[in-house]
Amino acid sequence: MSTITSPGTGARIAWGAFGVFLVAFGVFEMLKHGGLAWPLFFVGAVIPAIPGLPRSVQRWVQRFPPVPLAVIAYISLFPAPDLLAVPFFTLGLMWLAHIALGRAYRPHRTVRELKPAESVSISRS
């Protein structure tokens, strides 16, 4: 028998704190630079929750942090003019914040027992 457990309280607090930090940093960047950072701030916050996407795509966008991390890393490592860098950096921050807060506040799952499948005999007549 195996069990399924949900993340502990410490992990939820850590994800929540990380998400709040990212939102605060995103707001700081948006207010400091303005311009295209404003709309991409909101796009980054909403990307994982776009209605109408196929469920598999929506689940991938909500739970796959390497994409926003790659955007943040690329902008940080290969500086571009502020006109391009800041809006996409803010987009990556907000997308990652959405993922972090989703992990912190997803519904609590209880521990349950998984039983092995019962053997079924098939008689051939």
N, C-alpha and C. Protein backbone atom coordinates (compact mmCIF):
# COMPACT_ATOMS: atom_id res chain seq x y z
N MET A 1 0.84 -1.18 0.00
CA MET A 1 0.00 0.00 0.00
C MET A 1 0.88 1.24 0.00
N SER A 2 0.41 2.26 -0.66
CA SER A 2 1.14 3.51 -0.68
C SER A 2 0.21 4.64 -0.28
N THR A 3 0.79 5.75 0.10
CA THR A 3 -0.01 6.89 0.52
C THR A 3 0.36 8.11 -0.30
N ILE A 4 -0.59 9.00 -0.41
CA ILE A 4 -0.37 10.28 -1.08
C ILE A 4 -0.47 11.35 -0.01
N THR A 5 0.53 12.20 0.09
CA THR A 5 0.49 13.26 1.08
C THR A 5 0.60 14.60 0.38
N SER A 6 0.11 15.62 1.03
CA SER A 6 0.22 16.96 0.47
C SER A 6 1.44 17.64 1.08
N PRO A 7 1.90 18.74 0.49
CA PRO A 7 3.07 19.43 1.03
C PRO A 7 2.81 19.88 2.46
N GLY A 8 3.85 19.89 3.25
CA GLY A 8 3.73 20.30 4.64
C GLY A 8 3.50 21.80 4.78
N THR A 9 3.22 22.19 6.00
CA THR A 9 2.96 23.60 6.29
C THR A 9 4.17 24.46 6.00
N GLY A 10 5.35 23.96 6.30
CA GLY A 10 6.58 24.72 6.05
C GLY A 10 6.77 25.01 4.57
N ALA A 11 6.50 24.02 3.73
CA ALA A 11 6.64 24.22 2.29
C ALA A 11 5.62 25.23 1.78
N ARG A 12 4.41 25.16 2.29
CA ARG A 12 3.38 26.12 1.88
C ARG A 12 3.75 27.55 2.29
N ILE A 13 4.29 27.69 3.49
CA ILE A 13 4.70 29.03 3.96
C ILE A 13 5.85 29.55 3.10
N ALA A 14 6.80 28.68 2.77
CA ALA A 14 7.94 29.09 1.93
C ALA A 14 7.47 29.51 0.54
N TRP A 15 6.58 28.72 -0.10
CA TRP A 15 6.06 29.09 -1.42
C TRP A 15 5.29 30.39 -1.34
N GLY A 16 4.49 30.57 -0.28
CA GLY A 16 3.73 31.81 -0.13
C GLY A 16 4.62 33.02 0.04
N ALA A 17 5.65 32.89 0.87
CA ALA A 17 6.58 34.00 1.07
C ALA A 17 7.32 34.34 -0.22
N PHE A 18 7.74 33.31 -0.96
CA PHE A 18 8.41 33.53 -2.23
C PHE A 18 7.47 34.22 -3.23
N GLY A 19 6.22 33.79 -3.27
CA GLY A 19 5.23 34.40 -4.17
C GLY A 19 4.97 35.86 -3.83
N VAL A 20 4.84 36.15 -2.54
CA VAL A 20 4.61 37.55 -2.12
C VAL A 20 5.82 38.41 -2.46
N PHE A 21 7.03 37.87 -2.26
CA PHE A 21 8.24 38.60 -2.63
C PHE A 21 8.26 38.91 -4.12
N LEU A 22 7.92 37.91 -4.95
CA LEU A 22 7.92 38.12 -6.40
C LEU A 22 6.88 39.16 -6.82
N VAL A 23 5.70 39.14 -6.20
CA VAL A 23 4.68 40.14 -6.52
C VAL A 23 5.18 41.53 -6.14
N ALA A 24 5.76 41.65 -4.94
CA ALA A 24 6.27 42.96 -4.51
C ALA A 24 7.38 43.45 -5.43
N PHE A 25 8.27 42.56 -5.85
CA PHE A 25 9.36 42.94 -6.76
C PHE A 25 8.79 43.32 -8.13
N GLY A 26 7.77 42.60 -8.59
CA GLY A 26 7.12 42.93 -9.85
C GLY A 26 6.44 44.29 -9.81
N VAL A 27 5.77 44.58 -8.69
CA VAL A 27 5.13 45.90 -8.54
C VAL A 27 6.19 46.99 -8.53
N PHE A 28 7.31 46.75 -7.83
CA PHE A 28 8.40 47.73 -7.81
C PHE A 28 8.91 48.01 -9.22
N GLU A 29 9.16 46.94 -9.99
CA GLU A 29 9.65 47.12 -11.36
C GLU A 29 8.63 47.85 -12.23
N MET A 30 7.37 47.49 -12.06
CA MET A 30 6.32 48.12 -12.87
C MET A 30 6.22 49.62 -12.57
N LEU A 31 6.24 49.97 -11.28
CA LEU A 31 6.12 51.38 -10.91
C LEU A 31 7.38 52.18 -11.26
N LYS A 32 8.54 51.55 -11.13
CA LYS A 32 9.80 52.25 -11.40
C LYS A 32 9.97 52.56 -12.88
N HIS A 33 9.64 51.58 -13.75
CA HIS A 33 9.94 51.74 -15.17
C HIS A 33 8.74 52.13 -16.02
N GLY A 34 7.54 51.74 -15.62
CA GLY A 34 6.34 52.10 -16.40
C GLY A 34 6.38 51.53 -17.81
N GLY A 35 5.75 52.23 -18.72
CA GLY A 35 5.74 51.81 -20.13
C GLY A 35 5.07 50.46 -20.33
N LEU A 36 5.75 49.57 -21.07
CA LEU A 36 5.20 48.25 -21.35
C LEU A 36 5.20 47.33 -20.12
N ALA A 37 5.87 47.74 -19.06
CA ALA A 37 5.88 46.91 -17.85
C ALA A 37 4.49 46.80 -17.26
N TRP A 38 3.65 47.82 -17.42
CA TRP A 38 2.29 47.78 -16.86
C TRP A 38 1.45 46.67 -17.48
N PRO A 39 1.28 46.65 -18.80
CA PRO A 39 0.43 45.58 -19.35
C PRO A 39 1.04 44.19 -19.18
N LEU A 40 2.36 44.06 -19.31
CA LEU A 40 2.97 42.74 -19.17
C LEU A 40 2.98 42.26 -17.73
N PHE A 41 2.91 43.17 -16.77
CA PHE A 41 2.73 42.80 -15.37
C PHE A 41 1.42 42.02 -15.21
N PHE A 42 0.36 42.56 -15.78
CA PHE A 42 -0.95 41.92 -15.66
C PHE A 42 -1.05 40.66 -16.54
N VAL A 43 -0.41 40.68 -17.70
CA VAL A 43 -0.40 39.49 -18.56
C VAL A 43 0.31 38.35 -17.83
N GLY A 44 1.43 38.63 -17.20
CA GLY A 44 2.17 37.60 -16.47
C GLY A 44 1.39 37.02 -15.31
N ALA A 45 0.57 37.86 -14.68
CA ALA A 45 -0.24 37.37 -13.57
C ALA A 45 -1.40 36.53 -14.05
N VAL A 46 -1.86 36.75 -15.28
CA VAL A 46 -3.06 36.07 -15.78
C VAL A 46 -2.74 34.90 -16.71
N ILE A 47 -1.53 34.82 -17.27
CA ILE A 47 -1.19 33.77 -18.23
C ILE A 47 -1.62 32.38 -17.75
N PRO A 48 -1.30 32.00 -16.52
CA PRO A 48 -1.66 30.64 -16.12
C PRO A 48 -3.16 30.41 -15.97
N ALA A 49 -3.95 31.44 -15.94
CA ALA A 49 -5.39 31.28 -15.71
C ALA A 49 -6.22 31.64 -16.94
N ILE A 50 -5.63 31.67 -18.12
CA ILE A 50 -6.36 32.03 -19.33
C ILE A 50 -7.44 30.99 -19.60
N PRO A 51 -8.69 31.41 -19.67
CA PRO A 51 -9.74 30.43 -19.97
C PRO A 51 -9.71 30.04 -21.45
N GLY A 52 -10.17 28.86 -21.74
CA GLY A 52 -10.25 28.41 -23.11
C GLY A 52 -9.05 27.62 -23.59
N LEU A 53 -7.97 27.61 -22.81
CA LEU A 53 -6.83 26.79 -23.19
C LEU A 53 -7.16 25.32 -22.94
N PRO A 54 -6.63 24.43 -23.73
CA PRO A 54 -6.83 23.01 -23.42
C PRO A 54 -6.28 22.70 -22.03
N ARG A 55 -6.89 21.77 -21.35
CA ARG A 55 -6.52 21.48 -19.96
C ARG A 55 -5.03 21.10 -19.82
N SER A 56 -4.51 20.34 -20.77
CA SER A 56 -3.11 19.94 -20.68
C SER A 56 -2.17 21.15 -20.79
N VAL A 57 -2.50 22.08 -21.67
CA VAL A 57 -1.69 23.30 -21.83
C VAL A 57 -1.81 24.17 -20.58
N GLN A 58 -3.02 24.31 -20.07
CA GLN A 58 -3.23 25.14 -18.89
C GLN A 58 -2.48 24.56 -17.68
N ARG A 59 -2.52 23.25 -17.52
CA ARG A 59 -1.80 22.61 -16.41
C ARG A 59 -0.29 22.81 -16.56
N TRP A 60 0.22 22.71 -17.79
CA TRP A 60 1.65 22.90 -18.04
C TRP A 60 2.06 24.34 -17.71
N VAL A 61 1.25 25.29 -18.13
CA VAL A 61 1.57 26.71 -17.89
C VAL A 61 1.50 27.03 -16.40
N GLN A 62 0.61 26.38 -15.68
CA GLN A 62 0.46 26.67 -14.26
C GLN A 62 1.52 26.02 -13.40
N ARG A 63 2.09 24.91 -13.86
CA ARG A 63 2.97 24.15 -12.98
C ARG A 63 4.39 23.96 -13.49
N PHE A 64 4.77 24.63 -14.55
CA PHE A 64 6.08 24.42 -15.14
C PHE A 64 6.92 25.69 -15.02
N PRO A 65 7.67 25.84 -13.92
CA PRO A 65 8.40 27.09 -13.69
C PRO A 65 9.61 27.35 -14.57
N PRO A 66 10.19 26.37 -15.31
CA PRO A 66 11.37 26.72 -16.12
C PRO A 66 11.13 27.79 -17.18
N VAL A 67 9.92 27.93 -17.69
CA VAL A 67 9.68 28.95 -18.72
C VAL A 67 9.85 30.36 -18.14
N PRO A 68 9.14 30.72 -17.07
CA PRO A 68 9.38 32.07 -16.53
C PRO A 68 10.78 32.23 -15.98
N LEU A 69 11.36 31.17 -15.43
CA LEU A 69 12.74 31.26 -14.95
C LEU A 69 13.70 31.53 -16.10
N ALA A 70 13.46 30.91 -17.24
CA ALA A 70 14.30 31.14 -18.41
C ALA A 70 14.19 32.58 -18.90
N VAL A 71 12.98 33.13 -18.87
CA VAL A 71 12.79 34.53 -19.27
C VAL A 71 13.56 35.45 -18.34
N ILE A 72 13.43 35.22 -17.03
CA ILE A 72 14.13 36.05 -16.04
C ILE A 72 15.64 35.91 -16.20
N ALA A 73 16.13 34.68 -16.35
CA ALA A 73 17.57 34.45 -16.48
C ALA A 73 18.13 35.08 -17.75
N TYR A 74 17.41 34.94 -18.86
CA TYR A 74 17.89 35.49 -20.12
C TYR A 74 18.00 37.01 -20.03
N ILE A 75 16.97 37.64 -19.49
CA ILE A 75 16.99 39.11 -19.38
C ILE A 75 18.10 39.55 -18.42
N SER A 76 18.34 38.75 -17.35
CA SER A 76 19.38 39.12 -16.39
C SER A 76 20.78 38.91 -16.94
N LEU A 77 20.99 37.82 -17.69
CA LEU A 77 22.32 37.50 -18.17
C LEU A 77 22.71 38.23 -19.45
N PHE A 78 21.74 38.52 -20.29
CA PHE A 78 22.01 39.20 -21.55
C PHE A 78 21.25 40.51 -21.57
N PRO A 79 21.83 41.54 -20.97
CA PRO A 79 21.11 42.80 -20.85
C PRO A 79 20.68 43.36 -22.21
N ALA A 80 19.49 43.88 -22.22
CA ALA A 80 18.92 44.53 -23.41
C ALA A 80 18.53 45.94 -22.99
N PRO A 81 18.17 46.77 -23.94
CA PRO A 81 17.68 48.10 -23.55
C PRO A 81 16.48 47.97 -22.61
N ASP A 82 16.37 48.93 -21.70
CA ASP A 82 15.27 48.89 -20.72
C ASP A 82 13.90 48.78 -21.38
N LEU A 83 13.77 49.32 -22.56
CA LEU A 83 12.48 49.28 -23.25
C LEU A 83 12.02 47.84 -23.47
N LEU A 84 12.95 46.91 -23.71
CA LEU A 84 12.60 45.51 -23.92
C LEU A 84 12.80 44.65 -22.68
N ALA A 85 13.84 44.91 -21.93
CA ALA A 85 14.20 44.04 -20.82
C ALA A 85 13.20 44.10 -19.68
N VAL A 86 12.86 45.27 -19.24
CA VAL A 86 12.01 45.40 -18.04
C VAL A 86 10.63 44.80 -18.23
N PRO A 87 9.92 45.04 -19.33
CA PRO A 87 8.59 44.43 -19.44
C PRO A 87 8.61 42.91 -19.41
N PHE A 88 9.57 42.28 -20.09
CA PHE A 88 9.62 40.83 -20.11
C PHE A 88 10.14 40.25 -18.80
N PHE A 89 11.01 40.99 -18.12
CA PHE A 89 11.46 40.60 -16.79
C PHE A 89 10.27 40.61 -15.83
N THR A 90 9.45 41.65 -15.92
CA THR A 90 8.26 41.75 -15.08
C THR A 90 7.27 40.65 -15.42
N LEU A 91 7.11 40.33 -16.68
CA LEU A 91 6.25 39.23 -17.10
C LEU A 91 6.71 37.92 -16.46
N GLY A 92 8.00 37.63 -16.51
CA GLY A 92 8.53 36.42 -15.90
C GLY A 92 8.34 36.40 -14.40
N LEU A 93 8.54 37.54 -13.73
CA LEU A 93 8.33 37.62 -12.29
C LEU A 93 6.89 37.29 -11.92
N MET A 94 5.96 37.87 -12.65
CA MET A 94 4.55 37.65 -12.30
C MET A 94 4.09 36.24 -12.63
N TRP A 95 4.59 35.68 -13.70
CA TRP A 95 4.23 34.30 -14.06
C TRP A 95 4.74 33.35 -12.97
N LEU A 96 5.99 33.56 -12.54
CA LEU A 96 6.56 32.74 -11.48
C LEU A 96 5.84 32.97 -10.15
N ALA A 97 5.42 34.21 -9.90
CA ALA A 97 4.65 34.50 -8.68
C ALA A 97 3.32 33.75 -8.69
N HIS A 98 2.68 33.69 -9.84
CA HIS A 98 1.42 32.96 -9.96
C HIS A 98 1.63 31.47 -9.65
N ILE A 99 2.71 30.90 -10.15
CA ILE A 99 3.01 29.50 -9.89
C ILE A 99 3.30 29.29 -8.40
N ALA A 100 4.11 30.17 -7.80
CA ALA A 100 4.47 30.03 -6.39
C ALA A 100 3.24 30.16 -5.48
N LEU A 101 2.40 31.15 -5.75
CA LEU A 101 1.21 31.32 -4.92
C LEU A 101 0.22 30.18 -5.13
N GLY A 102 0.17 29.66 -6.34
CA GLY A 102 -0.68 28.50 -6.59
C GLY A 102 -0.23 27.29 -5.80
N ARG A 103 1.07 27.10 -5.68
CA ARG A 103 1.59 25.99 -4.89
C ARG A 103 1.37 26.20 -3.41
N ALA A 104 1.38 27.45 -2.98
CA ALA A 104 1.18 27.74 -1.56
C ALA A 104 -0.28 27.57 -1.15
N TYR A 105 -1.19 27.92 -2.02
CA TYR A 105 -2.60 27.97 -1.62
C TYR A 105 -3.47 26.92 -2.30
N ARG A 106 -2.88 25.91 -2.95
CA ARG A 106 -3.73 24.89 -3.55
C ARG A 106 -4.43 24.13 -2.44
N PRO A 107 -5.61 23.60 -2.74
CA PRO A 107 -6.40 22.93 -1.70
C PRO A 107 -5.62 21.80 -1.01
N HIS A 108 -5.83 21.70 0.26
CA HIS A 108 -5.15 20.68 1.06
C HIS A 108 -5.74 19.31 0.75
N ARG A 109 -4.87 18.36 0.44
CA ARG A 109 -5.33 16.99 0.18
C ARG A 109 -5.06 16.15 1.42
N THR A 110 -5.98 15.31 1.75
CA THR A 110 -5.80 14.44 2.90
C THR A 110 -5.02 13.20 2.48
N VAL A 111 -4.44 12.56 3.46
CA VAL A 111 -3.70 11.32 3.20
C VAL A 111 -4.73 10.23 2.95
N ARG A 112 -4.51 9.43 1.93
CA ARG A 112 -5.44 8.34 1.66
C ARG A 112 -4.64 7.09 1.31
N GLU A 113 -5.25 6.01 1.57
CA GLU A 113 -4.62 4.72 1.29
C GLU A 113 -4.95 4.31 -0.14
N LEU A 114 -3.97 3.84 -0.86
CA LEU A 114 -4.18 3.31 -2.19
C LEU A 114 -4.06 1.80 -2.11
N LYS A 115 -5.08 1.12 -2.53
CA LYS A 115 -5.07 -0.34 -2.48
C LYS A 115 -4.69 -0.88 -3.85
N PRO A 116 -3.93 -1.97 -3.87
CA PRO A 116 -3.58 -2.55 -5.17
C PRO A 116 -4.84 -3.06 -5.86
N ALA A 117 -4.80 -3.06 -7.15
CA ALA A 117 -5.95 -3.52 -7.92
C ALA A 117 -6.24 -4.98 -7.59
N GLU A 118 -7.51 -5.27 -7.42
CA GLU A 118 -7.88 -6.64 -7.13
C GLU A 118 -7.73 -7.49 -8.38
N SER A 119 -7.31 -8.72 -8.16
CA SER A 119 -7.15 -9.59 -9.32
C SER A 119 -8.53 -10.07 -9.79
N VAL A 120 -8.69 -10.07 -11.05
CA VAL A 120 -9.96 -10.48 -11.65
C VAL A 120 -9.68 -11.69 -12.51
N SER A 121 -10.43 -12.74 -12.27
CA SER A 121 -10.24 -13.92 -13.10
C SER A 121 -11.24 -13.90 -14.23
N ILE A 122 -10.78 -14.19 -15.39
CA ILE A 122 -11.63 -14.21 -16.57
C ILE A 122 -11.76 -15.66 -17.02
N SER A 123 -12.97 -16.11 -17.05
CA SER A 123 -13.17 -17.49 -17.50
C SER A 123 -13.57 -17.48 -18.96
N ARG A 124 -12.97 -18.37 -19.68
CA ARG A 124 -13.29 -18.47 -21.10
C ARG A 124 -14.18 -19.67 -21.29
N SER A 125 -15.28 -19.45 -21.95
CA SER A 125 -16.21 -20.56 -22.16
C SER A 125 -16.10 -21.12 -23.54
